[in-house]
């Protein structure tokens, strides 16, 4: 299967005031997920005890938090997140969404594999 980073195909799993998330679950062990983070919004931030992730920014500008470190993120930037590292994205694009594609090991989103910060 061929996909593009800015169109991963698959199924829209969330669409709210914060973001639109689309997951492609074609593979047996990995998910390719696309997030359109709306203007002025941020993700909840989370970590996974035993799962690594790759974030690839495809549109706009953001602030990428990994642990206690904040990185400027722009189109073309890729971040490697180790298991257990807290991570969060803040949209810093004025007047538009920022977009990123994530690649991670499949997990039950309704379970407790992702640990969200309160």
PDB file of N, CA and C in Angstrom:
ATOM      1  N   UNK A   1       0.836  -1.172   0.000  1.00  0.00           N
ATOM      2  CA  UNK A   1       0.000   0.000   0.000  1.00  0.00           C
ATOM      3  C   UNK A   1       0.885   1.241   0.000  1.00  0.00           C
ATOM      4  N   UNK A   2       0.555   2.200  -0.816  1.00  0.00           N
ATOM      5  CA  UNK A   2       1.280   3.460  -0.881  1.00  0.00           C
ATOM      6  C   UNK A   2       0.427   4.545  -0.226  1.00  0.00           C
ATOM      7  N   UNK A   3       1.070   5.355   0.628  1.00  0.00           N
ATOM      8  CA  UNK A   3       0.386   6.490   1.242  1.00  0.00           C
ATOM      9  C   UNK A   3       1.293   7.707   1.146  1.00  0.00           C
ATOM     10  N   UNK A   4       0.744   8.851   1.475  1.00  0.00           N
ATOM     11  CA  UNK A   4       1.524  10.084   1.562  1.00  0.00           C
ATOM     12  C   UNK A   4       1.460  10.568   2.997  1.00  0.00           C
ATOM     13  N   UNK A   5       2.485  11.265   3.442  1.00  0.00           N
ATOM     14  CA  UNK A   5       2.501  11.757   4.810  1.00  0.00           C
ATOM     15  C   UNK A   5       1.359  12.722   5.095  1.00  0.00           C
ATOM     16  N   UNK A   6       0.892  13.428   4.060  1.00  0.00           N
ATOM     17  CA  UNK A   6      -0.203  14.379   4.273  1.00  0.00           C
ATOM     18  C   UNK A   6      -1.569  13.794   3.932  1.00  0.00           C
ATOM     19  N   UNK A   7      -1.616  12.495   3.618  1.00  0.00           N
ATOM     20  CA  UNK A   7      -2.882  11.803   3.363  1.00  0.00           C
ATOM     21  C   UNK A   7      -2.650  10.321   3.610  1.00  0.00           C
ATOM     22  N   UNK A   8      -2.806   9.901   4.870  1.00  0.00           N
ATOM     23  CA  UNK A   8      -2.479   8.523   5.232  1.00  0.00           C
ATOM     24  C   UNK A   8      -3.597   7.539   4.908  1.00  0.00           C
ATOM     25  N   UNK A   9      -4.748   8.056   4.443  1.00  0.00           N
ATOM     26  CA  UNK A   9      -5.887   7.180   4.203  1.00  0.00           C
ATOM     27  C   UNK A   9      -6.446   6.713   5.527  1.00  0.00           C
ATOM     28  N   UNK A  10      -7.213   5.671   5.521  1.00  0.00           N
ATOM     29  CA  UNK A  10      -7.723   5.125   6.767  1.00  0.00           C
ATOM     30  C   UNK A  10      -9.035   5.735   7.212  1.00  0.00           C
ATOM     31  N   UNK A  11      -9.229   5.760   8.526  1.00  0.00           N
ATOM     32  CA  UNK A  11     -10.512   6.132   9.119  1.00  0.00           C
ATOM     33  C   UNK A  11     -10.350   7.313  10.077  1.00  0.00           C
ATOM     34  N   UNK A  12     -11.242   8.299   9.948  1.00  0.00           N
ATOM     35  CA  UNK A  12     -11.249   9.419  10.878  1.00  0.00           C
ATOM     36  C   UNK A  12     -11.740   8.904  12.227  1.00  0.00           C
ATOM     37  N   UNK A  13     -10.916   9.071  13.268  1.00  0.00           N
ATOM     38  CA  UNK A  13     -11.301   8.546  14.579  1.00  0.00           C
ATOM     39  C   UNK A  13     -11.687   9.637  15.569  1.00  0.00           C
ATOM     40  N   UNK A  14     -11.261  10.880  15.314  1.00  0.00           N
ATOM     41  CA  UNK A  14     -11.653  12.007  16.166  1.00  0.00           C
ATOM     42  C   UNK A  14     -11.786  13.246  15.306  1.00  0.00           C
ATOM     43  N   UNK A  15     -12.804  14.044  15.618  1.00  0.00           N
ATOM     44  CA  UNK A  15     -12.994  15.326  14.956  1.00  0.00           C
ATOM     45  C   UNK A  15     -13.709  16.216  15.961  1.00  0.00           C
ATOM     46  N   UNK A  16     -12.944  17.112  16.591  1.00  0.00           N
ATOM     47  CA  UNK A  16     -13.526  17.988  17.601  1.00  0.00           C
ATOM     48  C   UNK A  16     -12.916  19.386  17.490  1.00  0.00           C
ATOM     49  N   UNK A  17     -13.107  20.226  18.505  1.00  0.00           N
ATOM     50  CA  UNK A  17     -12.611  21.601  18.471  1.00  0.00           C
ATOM     51  C   UNK A  17     -11.100  21.690  18.532  1.00  0.00           C
ATOM     52  N   UNK A  18     -10.434  20.607  18.934  1.00  0.00           N
ATOM     53  CA  UNK A  18      -8.978  20.604  19.070  1.00  0.00           C
ATOM     54  C   UNK A  18      -8.281  20.081  17.824  1.00  0.00           C
ATOM     55  N   UNK A  19      -8.742  18.942  17.309  1.00  0.00           N
ATOM     56  CA  UNK A  19      -8.042  18.312  16.195  1.00  0.00           C
ATOM     57  C   UNK A  19      -8.922  17.357  15.416  1.00  0.00           C
ATOM     58  N   UNK A  20      -8.366  16.945  14.258  1.00  0.00           N
ATOM     59  CA  UNK A  20      -8.935  15.868  13.451  1.00  0.00           C
ATOM     60  C   UNK A  20      -7.845  14.803  13.354  1.00  0.00           C
ATOM     61  N   UNK A  21      -8.188  13.572  13.736  1.00  0.00           N
ATOM     62  CA  UNK A  21      -7.210  12.476  13.702  1.00  0.00           C
ATOM     63  C   UNK A  21      -7.718  11.380  12.777  1.00  0.00           C
ATOM     64  N   UNK A  22      -6.838  10.938  11.876  1.00  0.00           N
ATOM     65  CA  UNK A  22      -7.138   9.851  10.955  1.00  0.00           C
ATOM     66  C   UNK A  22      -6.100   8.760  11.145  1.00  0.00           C
ATOM     67  N   UNK A  23      -6.560   7.529  11.352  1.00  0.00           N
ATOM     68  CA  UNK A  23      -5.652   6.386  11.526  1.00  0.00           C
ATOM     69  C   UNK A  23      -5.721   5.443  10.338  1.00  0.00           C
ATOM     70  N   UNK A  24      -4.548   5.035   9.852  1.00  0.00           N
ATOM     71  CA  UNK A  24      -4.457   3.978   8.854  1.00  0.00           C
ATOM     72  C   UNK A  24      -3.960   2.736   9.582  1.00  0.00           C
ATOM     73  N   UNK A  25      -4.799   1.723   9.667  1.00  0.00           N
ATOM     74  CA  UNK A  25      -4.479   0.497  10.396  1.00  0.00           C
ATOM     75  C   UNK A  25      -4.237  -0.685   9.463  1.00  0.00           C
ATOM     76  N   UNK A  26      -3.764  -0.394   8.257  1.00  0.00           N
ATOM     77  CA  UNK A  26      -3.532  -1.433   7.248  1.00  0.00           C
ATOM     78  C   UNK A  26      -2.515  -2.479   7.701  1.00  0.00           C
ATOM     79  N   UNK A  27      -1.494  -2.058   8.435  1.00  0.00           N
ATOM     80  CA  UNK A  27      -0.448  -2.982   8.873  1.00  0.00           C
ATOM     81  C   UNK A  27      -0.901  -3.757  10.107  1.00  0.00           C
ATOM     82  N   UNK A  28      -0.274  -4.891  10.339  1.00  0.00           N
ATOM     83  CA  UNK A  28      -0.637  -5.735  11.475  1.00  0.00           C
ATOM     84  C   UNK A  28      -0.141  -5.186  12.812  1.00  0.00           C
ATOM     85  N   UNK A  29       1.016  -4.501  12.820  1.00  0.00           N
ATOM     86  CA  UNK A  29       1.629  -4.107  14.083  1.00  0.00           C
ATOM     87  C   UNK A  29       1.830  -2.606  14.241  1.00  0.00           C
ATOM     88  N   UNK A  30       1.700  -1.832  13.168  1.00  0.00           N
ATOM     89  CA  UNK A  30       1.927  -0.392  13.235  1.00  0.00           C
ATOM     90  C   UNK A  30       0.691   0.376  12.781  1.00  0.00           C
ATOM     91  N   UNK A  31       0.518   1.558  13.359  1.00  0.00           N
ATOM     92  CA  UNK A  31      -0.505   2.497  12.914  1.00  0.00           C
ATOM     93  C   UNK A  31       0.202   3.723  12.355  1.00  0.00           C
ATOM     94  N   UNK A  32      -0.294   4.241  11.249  1.00  0.00           N
ATOM     95  CA  UNK A  32       0.152   5.518  10.707  1.00  0.00           C
ATOM     96  C   UNK A  32      -1.018   6.467  10.925  1.00  0.00           C
ATOM     97  N   UNK A  33      -0.783   7.514  11.700  1.00  0.00           N
ATOM     98  CA  UNK A  33      -1.853   8.406  12.128  1.00  0.00           C
ATOM     99  C   UNK A  33      -1.549   9.836  11.712  1.00  0.00           C
ATOM    100  N   UNK A  34      -2.556  10.531  11.235  1.00  0.00           N
ATOM    101  CA  UNK A  34      -2.427  11.919  10.785  1.00  0.00           C
ATOM    102  C   UNK A  34      -3.240  12.806  11.718  1.00  0.00           C
ATOM    103  N   UNK A  35      -2.639  13.872  12.236  1.00  0.00           N
ATOM    104  CA  UNK A  35      -3.332  14.812  13.102  1.00  0.00           C
ATOM    105  C   UNK A  35      -3.298  16.200  12.482  1.00  0.00           C
ATOM    106  N   UNK A  36      -4.457  16.823  12.376  1.00  0.00           N
ATOM    107  CA  UNK A  36      -4.583  18.231  12.008  1.00  0.00           C
ATOM    108  C   UNK A  36      -4.942  18.956  13.295  1.00  0.00           C
ATOM    109  N   UNK A  37      -3.976  19.657  13.866  1.00  0.00           N
ATOM    110  CA  UNK A  37      -4.152  20.359  15.127  1.00  0.00           C
ATOM    111  C   UNK A  37      -4.598  21.786  14.830  1.00  0.00           C
ATOM    112  N   UNK A  38      -5.775  22.143  15.309  1.00  0.00           N
ATOM    113  CA  UNK A  38      -6.392  23.418  14.956  1.00  0.00           C
ATOM    114  C   UNK A  38      -5.670  24.606  15.593  1.00  0.00           C
ATOM    115  N   UNK A  39      -5.879  25.773  15.017  1.00  0.00           N
ATOM    116  CA  UNK A  39      -5.212  27.006  15.441  1.00  0.00           C
ATOM    117  C   UNK A  39      -5.354  27.237  16.940  1.00  0.00           C
ATOM    118  N   UNK A  40      -4.216  27.523  17.596  1.00  0.00           N
ATOM    119  CA  UNK A  40      -4.203  27.844  19.011  1.00  0.00           C
ATOM    120  C   UNK A  40      -4.409  26.665  19.945  1.00  0.00           C
ATOM    121  N   UNK A  41      -4.474  25.452  19.426  1.00  0.00           N
ATOM    122  CA  UNK A  41      -4.756  24.272  20.242  1.00  0.00           C
ATOM    123  C   UNK A  41      -3.474  23.478  20.541  1.00  0.00           C
ATOM    124  N   UNK A  42      -3.611  22.553  21.488  1.00  0.00           N
ATOM    125  CA  UNK A  42      -2.511  21.638  21.791  1.00  0.00           C
ATOM    126  C   UNK A  42      -3.090  20.249  22.045  1.00  0.00           C
ATOM    127  N   UNK A  43      -2.251  19.255  21.861  1.00  0.00           N
ATOM    128  CA  UNK A  43      -2.662  17.900  22.205  1.00  0.00           C
ATOM    129  C   UNK A  43      -2.667  17.791  23.725  1.00  0.00           C
ATOM    130  N   UNK A  44      -3.291  16.734  24.262  1.00  0.00           N
ATOM    131  CA  UNK A  44      -3.338  16.536  25.714  1.00  0.00           C
ATOM    132  C   UNK A  44      -1.946  16.267  26.285  1.00  0.00           C
ATOM    133  N   UNK A  45      -1.131  15.618  25.521  1.00  0.00           N
ATOM    134  CA  UNK A  45       0.172  15.178  26.004  1.00  0.00           C
ATOM    135  C   UNK A  45       0.026  13.834  26.686  1.00  0.00           C
ATOM    136  N   UNK A  46       0.948  12.944  26.409  1.00  0.00           N
ATOM    137  CA  UNK A  46       0.879  11.600  26.976  1.00  0.00           C
ATOM    138  C   UNK A  46       2.234  10.912  26.872  1.00  0.00           C
ATOM    139  N   UNK A  47       2.299   9.733  27.465  1.00  0.00           N
ATOM    140  CA  UNK A  47       3.479   8.877  27.340  1.00  0.00           C
ATOM    141  C   UNK A  47       2.995   7.437  27.244  1.00  0.00           C
ATOM    142  N   UNK A  48       3.892   6.568  26.818  1.00  0.00           N
ATOM    143  CA  UNK A  48       3.632   5.125  26.732  1.00  0.00           C
ATOM    144  C   UNK A  48       4.803   4.422  27.401  1.00  0.00           C
ATOM    145  N   UNK A  49       4.529   3.564  28.351  1.00  0.00           N
ATOM    146  CA  UNK A  49       5.605   2.883  29.069  1.00  0.00           C
ATOM    147  C   UNK A  49       6.493   2.034  28.165  1.00  0.00           C
ATOM    148  N   UNK A  50       5.901   1.390  27.170  1.00  0.00           N
ATOM    149  CA  UNK A  50       6.687   0.446  26.370  1.00  0.00           C
ATOM    150  C   UNK A  50       6.543   0.679  24.868  1.00  0.00           C
ATOM    151  N   UNK A  51       6.313   1.918  24.474  1.00  0.00           N
ATOM    152  CA  UNK A  51       6.089   2.186  23.051  1.00  0.00           C
ATOM    153  C   UNK A  51       6.847   3.428  22.596  1.00  0.00           C
ATOM    154  N   UNK A  52       7.537   3.293  21.483  1.00  0.00           N
ATOM    155  CA  UNK A  52       8.216   4.415  20.853  1.00  0.00           C
ATOM    156  C   UNK A  52       7.303   5.002  19.778  1.00  0.00           C
ATOM    157  N   UNK A  53       7.546   6.262  19.408  1.00  0.00           N
ATOM    158  CA  UNK A  53       6.760   6.907  18.359  1.00  0.00           C
ATOM    159  C   UNK A  53       7.673   7.775  17.496  1.00  0.00           C
ATOM    160  N   UNK A  54       7.217   8.002  16.270  1.00  0.00           N
ATOM    161  CA  UNK A  54       7.876   8.925  15.352  1.00  0.00           C
ATOM    162  C   UNK A  54       6.842   9.977  14.951  1.00  0.00           C
ATOM    163  N   UNK A  55       7.186  11.252  15.110  1.00  0.00           N
ATOM    164  CA  UNK A  55       6.324  12.367  14.707  1.00  0.00           C
ATOM    165  C   UNK A  55       6.992  13.082  13.540  1.00  0.00           C
ATOM    166  N   UNK A  56       6.259  13.250  12.437  1.00  0.00           N
ATOM    167  CA  UNK A  56       6.783  13.922  11.246  1.00  0.00           C
ATOM    168  C   UNK A  56       5.859  15.108  10.954  1.00  0.00           C
ATOM    169  N   UNK A  57       6.398  16.320  11.030  1.00  0.00           N
ATOM    170  CA  UNK A  57       5.589  17.521  10.805  1.00  0.00           C
ATOM    171  C   UNK A  57       5.503  17.812   9.314  1.00  0.00           C
ATOM    172  N   UNK A  58       4.266  18.003   8.833  1.00  0.00           N
ATOM    173  CA  UNK A  58       4.029  18.154   7.399  1.00  0.00           C
ATOM    174  C   UNK A  58       3.416  19.492   7.013  1.00  0.00           C
ATOM    175  N   UNK A  59       2.997  20.289   7.999  1.00  0.00           N
ATOM    176  CA  UNK A  59       2.418  21.599   7.692  1.00  0.00           C
ATOM    177  C   UNK A  59       2.448  22.488   8.928  1.00  0.00           C
ATOM    178  N   UNK A  60       2.811  23.746   8.729  1.00  0.00           N
ATOM    179  CA  UNK A  60       2.742  24.725   9.803  1.00  0.00           C
ATOM    180  C   UNK A  60       3.909  24.669  10.760  1.00  0.00           C
ATOM    181  N   UNK A  61       3.702  25.357  11.899  1.00  0.00           N
ATOM    182  CA  UNK A  61       4.725  25.426  12.937  1.00  0.00           C
ATOM    183  C   UNK A  61       4.132  25.017  14.275  1.00  0.00           C
ATOM    184  N   UNK A  62       4.965  24.420  15.112  1.00  0.00           N
ATOM    185  CA  UNK A  62       4.496  23.939  16.399  1.00  0.00           C
ATOM    186  C   UNK A  62       5.630  23.998  17.415  1.00  0.00           C
ATOM    187  N   UNK A  63       5.242  23.796  18.655  1.00  0.00           N
ATOM    188  CA  UNK A  63       6.181  23.585  19.734  1.00  0.00           C
ATOM    189  C   UNK A  63       6.004  22.130  20.146  1.00  0.00           C
ATOM    190  N   UNK A  64       7.071  21.350  20.065  1.00  0.00           N
ATOM    191  CA  UNK A  64       7.030  19.922  20.389  1.00  0.00           C
ATOM    192  C   UNK A  64       7.712  19.730  21.729  1.00  0.00           C
ATOM    193  N   UNK A  65       6.947  19.280  22.723  1.00  0.00           N
ATOM    194  CA  UNK A  65       7.504  19.000  24.038  1.00  0.00           C
ATOM    195  C   UNK A  65       7.816  17.513  24.127  1.00  0.00           C
ATOM    196  N   UNK A  66       9.059  17.202  24.483  1.00  0.00           N
ATOM    197  CA  UNK A  66       9.471  15.829  24.759  1.00  0.00           C
ATOM    198  C   UNK A  66      10.152  15.863  26.115  1.00  0.00           C
ATOM    199  N   UNK A  67       9.515  15.231  27.087  1.00  0.00           N
ATOM    200  CA  UNK A  67      10.005  15.336  28.454  1.00  0.00           C
ATOM    201  C   UNK A  67       9.869  16.778  28.914  1.00  0.00           C
ATOM    202  N   UNK A  68      10.963  17.353  29.406  1.00  0.00           N
ATOM    203  CA  UNK A  68      10.964  18.753  29.863  1.00  0.00           C
ATOM    204  C   UNK A  68      11.531  19.703  28.807  1.00  0.00           C
ATOM    205  N   UNK A  69      11.864  19.166  27.625  1.00  0.00           N
ATOM    206  CA  UNK A  69      12.502  19.967  26.578  1.00  0.00           C
ATOM    207  C   UNK A  69      11.480  20.351  25.517  1.00  0.00           C
ATOM    208  N   UNK A  70      11.532  21.617  25.081  1.00  0.00           N
ATOM    209  CA  UNK A  70      10.643  22.127  24.043  1.00  0.00           C
ATOM    210  C   UNK A  70      11.456  22.397  22.777  1.00  0.00           C
ATOM    211  N   UNK A  71      10.927  21.924  21.637  1.00  0.00           N
ATOM    212  CA  UNK A  71      11.604  22.075  20.352  1.00  0.00           C
ATOM    213  C   UNK A  71      10.697  22.840  19.395  1.00  0.00           C
ATOM    214  N   UNK A  72      11.287  23.752  18.615  1.00  0.00           N
ATOM    215  CA  UNK A  72      10.532  24.382  17.535  1.00  0.00           C
ATOM    216  C   UNK A  72      10.369  23.331  16.433  1.00  0.00           C
ATOM    217  N   UNK A  73       9.147  23.166  15.945  1.00  0.00           N
ATOM    218  CA  UNK A  73       8.881  22.170  14.901  1.00  0.00           C
ATOM    219  C   UNK A  73       8.277  22.863  13.692  1.00  0.00           C
ATOM    220  N   UNK A  74       8.770  22.499  12.512  1.00  0.00           N
ATOM    221  CA  UNK A  74       8.228  23.049  11.269  1.00  0.00           C
ATOM    222  C   UNK A  74       8.157  21.941  10.232  1.00  0.00           C
ATOM    223  N   UNK A  75       7.536  22.241   9.118  1.00  0.00           N
ATOM    224  CA  UNK A  75       7.366  21.272   8.039  1.00  0.00           C
ATOM    225  C   UNK A  75       8.693  20.582   7.721  1.00  0.00           C
ATOM    226  N   UNK A  76       8.672  19.265   7.712  1.00  0.00           N
ATOM    227  CA  UNK A  76       9.858  18.473   7.398  1.00  0.00           C
ATOM    228  C   UNK A  76      10.613  17.972   8.617  1.00  0.00           C
ATOM    229  N   UNK A  77      10.317  18.521   9.797  1.00  0.00           N
ATOM    230  CA  UNK A  77      11.004  18.071  11.004  1.00  0.00           C
ATOM    231  C   UNK A  77      10.436  16.730  11.479  1.00  0.00           C
ATOM    232  N   UNK A  78      11.330  15.871  11.972  1.00  0.00           N
ATOM    233  CA  UNK A  78      10.949  14.559  12.476  1.00  0.00           C
ATOM    234  C   UNK A  78      11.495  14.401  13.889  1.00  0.00           C
ATOM    235  N   UNK A  79      10.653  13.875  14.780  1.00  0.00           N
ATOM    236  CA  UNK A  79      11.036  13.673  16.173  1.00  0.00           C
ATOM    237  C   UNK A  79      10.892  12.202  16.531  1.00  0.00           C
ATOM    238  N   UNK A  80      11.916  11.673  17.205  1.00  0.00           N
ATOM    239  CA  UNK A  80      11.912  10.291  17.664  1.00  0.00           C
ATOM    240  C   UNK A  80      11.659  10.305  19.164  1.00  0.00           C
ATOM    241  N   UNK A  81      10.617   9.613  19.595  1.00  0.00           N
ATOM    242  CA  UNK A  81      10.205   9.642  20.994  1.00  0.00           C
ATOM    243  C   UNK A  81      10.395   8.250  21.587  1.00  0.00           C
ATOM    244  N   UNK A  82      11.217   8.182  22.611  1.00  0.00           N
ATOM    245  CA  UNK A  82      11.497   6.909  23.273  1.00  0.00           C
ATOM    246  C   UNK A  82      10.335   6.506  24.171  1.00  0.00           C
ATOM    247  N   UNK A  83      10.240   5.211  24.440  1.00  0.00           N
ATOM    248  CA  UNK A  83       9.226   4.697  25.362  1.00  0.00           C
ATOM    249  C   UNK A  83       9.365   5.408  26.701  1.00  0.00           C
ATOM    250  N   UNK A  84       8.230   5.788  27.272  1.00  0.00           N
ATOM    251  CA  UNK A  84       8.214   6.441  28.575  1.00  0.00           C
ATOM    252  C   UNK A  84       8.359   7.946  28.539  1.00  0.00           C
ATOM    253  N   UNK A  85       8.729   8.535  27.391  1.00  0.00           N
ATOM    254  CA  UNK A  85       8.897   9.982  27.322  1.00  0.00           C
ATOM    255  C   UNK A  85       7.550  10.676  27.121  1.00  0.00           C
ATOM    256  N   UNK A  86       7.246  11.626  27.986  1.00  0.00           N
ATOM    257  CA  UNK A  86       6.050  12.443  27.824  1.00  0.00           C
ATOM    258  C   UNK A  86       6.227  13.315  26.586  1.00  0.00           C
ATOM    259  N   UNK A  87       5.163  13.465  25.791  1.00  0.00           N
ATOM    260  CA  UNK A  87       5.240  14.314  24.598  1.00  0.00           C
ATOM    261  C   UNK A  87       3.914  15.013  24.351  1.00  0.00           C
ATOM    262  N   UNK A  88       4.024  16.227  23.790  1.00  0.00           N
ATOM    263  CA  UNK A  88       2.855  17.073  23.558  1.00  0.00           C
ATOM    264  C   UNK A  88       3.181  18.060  22.445  1.00  0.00           C
ATOM    265  N   UNK A  89       2.149  18.433  21.662  1.00  0.00           N
ATOM    266  CA  UNK A  89       2.338  19.371  20.552  1.00  0.00           C
ATOM    267  C   UNK A  89       1.442  20.586  20.765  1.00  0.00           C
ATOM    268  N   UNK A  90       2.013  21.787  20.589  1.00  0.00           N
ATOM    269  CA  UNK A  90       1.294  23.047  20.662  1.00  0.00           C
ATOM    270  C   UNK A  90       1.324  23.690  19.274  1.00  0.00           C
ATOM    271  N   UNK A  91       0.168  23.977  18.695  1.00  0.00           N
ATOM    272  CA  UNK A  91       0.116  24.623  17.381  1.00  0.00           C
ATOM    273  C   UNK A  91       0.535  26.080  17.536  1.00  0.00           C
ATOM    274  N   UNK A  92       1.569  26.490  16.816  1.00  0.00           N
ATOM    275  CA  UNK A  92       2.047  27.875  16.830  1.00  0.00           C
ATOM    276  C   UNK A  92       1.860  28.546  15.470  1.00  0.00           C
ATOM    277  N   UNK A  93       1.094  27.913  14.575  1.00  0.00           N
ATOM    278  CA  UNK A  93       0.813  28.491  13.260  1.00  0.00           C
ATOM    279  C   UNK A  93      -0.278  29.537  13.419  1.00  0.00           C
ATOM    280  N   UNK A  94      -0.036  30.720  12.924  1.00  0.00           N
ATOM    281  CA  UNK A  94      -1.041  31.776  13.010  1.00  0.00           C
ATOM    282  C   UNK A  94      -2.052  31.616  11.882  1.00  0.00           C
ATOM    283  N   UNK A  95      -3.315  31.497  12.252  1.00  0.00           N
ATOM    284  CA  UNK A  95      -4.390  31.454  11.265  1.00  0.00           C
ATOM    285  C   UNK A  95      -4.571  30.143  10.541  1.00  0.00           C
ATOM    286  N   UNK A  96      -3.909  29.067  11.014  1.00  0.00           N
ATOM    287  CA  UNK A  96      -4.087  27.793  10.310  1.00  0.00           C
ATOM    288  C   UNK A  96      -3.796  26.611  11.224  1.00  0.00           C
ATOM    289  N   UNK A  97      -4.086  25.439  10.707  1.00  0.00           N
ATOM    290  CA  UNK A  97      -3.766  24.218  11.422  1.00  0.00           C
ATOM    291  C   UNK A  97      -2.281  23.920  11.288  1.00  0.00           C
ATOM    292  N   UNK A  98      -1.785  23.094  12.165  1.00  0.00           N
ATOM    293  CA  UNK A  98      -0.483  22.472  11.931  1.00  0.00           C
ATOM    294  C   UNK A  98      -0.792  20.988  11.781  1.00  0.00           C
ATOM    295  N   UNK A  99       0.021  20.292  11.048  1.00  0.00           N
ATOM    296  CA  UNK A  99      -0.264  18.894  10.756  1.00  0.00           C
ATOM    297  C   UNK A  99       0.988  18.052  10.973  1.00  0.00           C
ATOM    298  N   UNK A 100       0.745  16.848  11.510  1.00  0.00           N
ATOM    299  CA  UNK A 100       1.851  15.911  11.689  1.00  0.00           C
ATOM    300  C   UNK A 100       1.329  14.491  11.527  1.00  0.00           C
ATOM    301  N   UNK A 101       2.235  13.630  11.126  1.00  0.00           N
ATOM    302  CA  UNK A 101       1.949  12.210  10.960  1.00  0.00           C
ATOM    303  C   UNK A 101       2.766  11.460  11.993  1.00  0.00           C
ATOM    304  N   UNK A 102       2.117  10.518  12.674  1.00  0.00           N
ATOM    305  CA  UNK A 102       2.782   9.703  13.701  1.00  0.00           C
ATOM    306  C   UNK A 102       2.795   8.246  13.253  1.00  0.00           C
ATOM    307  N   UNK A 103       3.849   7.573  13.614  1.00  0.00           N
ATOM    308  CA  UNK A 103       3.948   6.138  13.371  1.00  0.00           C
ATOM    309  C   UNK A 103       4.235   5.488  14.718  1.00  0.00           C
ATOM    310  N   UNK A 104       3.402   4.512  15.080  1.00  0.00           N
ATOM    311  CA  UNK A 104       3.533   3.873  16.387  1.00  0.00           C
ATOM    312  C   UNK A 104       2.973   2.464  16.349  1.00  0.00           C
ATOM    313  N   UNK A 105       3.379   1.674  17.324  1.00  0.00           N
ATOM    314  CA  UNK A 105       2.874   0.311  17.470  1.00  0.00           C
ATOM    315  C   UNK A 105       1.393   0.368  17.835  1.00  0.00           C
ATOM    316  N   UNK A 106       0.604  -0.492  17.209  1.00  0.00           N
ATOM    317  CA  UNK A 106      -0.845  -0.499  17.466  1.00  0.00           C
ATOM    318  C   UNK A 106      -1.134  -0.714  18.948  1.00  0.00           C
ATOM    319  N   UNK A 107      -2.155  -0.005  19.429  1.00  0.00           N
ATOM    320  CA  UNK A 107      -2.638  -0.212  20.790  1.00  0.00           C
ATOM    321  C   UNK A 107      -4.108   0.159  20.855  1.00  0.00           C
ATOM    322  N   UNK A 108      -4.758  -0.276  21.896  1.00  0.00           N
ATOM    323  CA  UNK A 108      -6.170   0.020  22.107  1.00  0.00           C
ATOM    324  C   UNK A 108      -6.285   1.437  22.654  1.00  0.00           C
ATOM    325  N   UNK A 109      -6.760   2.374  21.832  1.00  0.00           N
ATOM    326  CA  UNK A 109      -6.853   3.774  22.260  1.00  0.00           C
ATOM    327  C   UNK A 109      -7.797   3.960  23.442  1.00  0.00           C
ATOM    328  N   UNK A 110      -8.738   3.054  23.612  1.00  0.00           N
ATOM    329  CA  UNK A 110      -9.662   3.188  24.733  1.00  0.00           C
ATOM    330  C   UNK A 110      -9.110   2.561  26.009  1.00  0.00           C
ATOM    331  N   UNK A 111      -7.976   1.887  25.926  1.00  0.00           N
ATOM    332  CA  UNK A 111      -7.355   1.257  27.082  1.00  0.00           C
ATOM    333  C   UNK A 111      -6.460   2.231  27.833  1.00  0.00           C
ATOM    334  N   UNK A 112      -5.518   1.709  28.595  1.00  0.00           N
ATOM    335  CA  UNK A 112      -4.646   2.563  29.398  1.00  0.00           C
ATOM    336  C   UNK A 112      -3.185   2.562  28.920  1.00  0.00           C
ATOM    337  N   UNK A 113      -2.966   2.204  27.643  1.00  0.00           N
ATOM    338  CA  UNK A 113      -1.605   2.183  27.097  1.00  0.00           C
ATOM    339  C   UNK A 113      -1.007   3.579  27.026  1.00  0.00           C
ATOM    340  N   UNK A 114      -1.839   4.590  26.759  1.00  0.00           N
ATOM    341  CA  UNK A 114      -1.376   5.977  26.759  1.00  0.00           C
ATOM    342  C   UNK A 114      -1.694   6.577  28.117  1.00  0.00           C
ATOM    343  N   UNK A 115      -0.694   7.182  28.735  1.00  0.00           N
ATOM    344  CA  UNK A 115      -0.873   7.810  30.041  1.00  0.00           C
ATOM    345  C   UNK A 115      -0.932   9.319  29.846  1.00  0.00           C
ATOM    346  N   UNK A 116      -2.103   9.883  30.068  1.00  0.00           N
ATOM    347  CA  UNK A 116      -2.319  11.311  29.840  1.00  0.00           C
ATOM    348  C   UNK A 116      -2.025  12.104  31.098  1.00  0.00           C
ATOM    349  N   UNK A 117      -1.500  13.292  30.888  1.00  0.00           N
ATOM    350  CA  UNK A 117      -1.218  14.202  31.993  1.00  0.00           C
ATOM    351  C   UNK A 117      -2.515  14.908  32.379  1.00  0.00           C
ATOM    352  N   UNK A 118      -2.786  15.023  33.656  1.00  0.00           N
ATOM    353  CA  UNK A 118      -3.989  15.721  34.111  1.00  0.00           C
ATOM    354  C   UNK A 118      -3.738  17.183  34.345  1.00  0.00           C
TER     355      UNK A 118
END
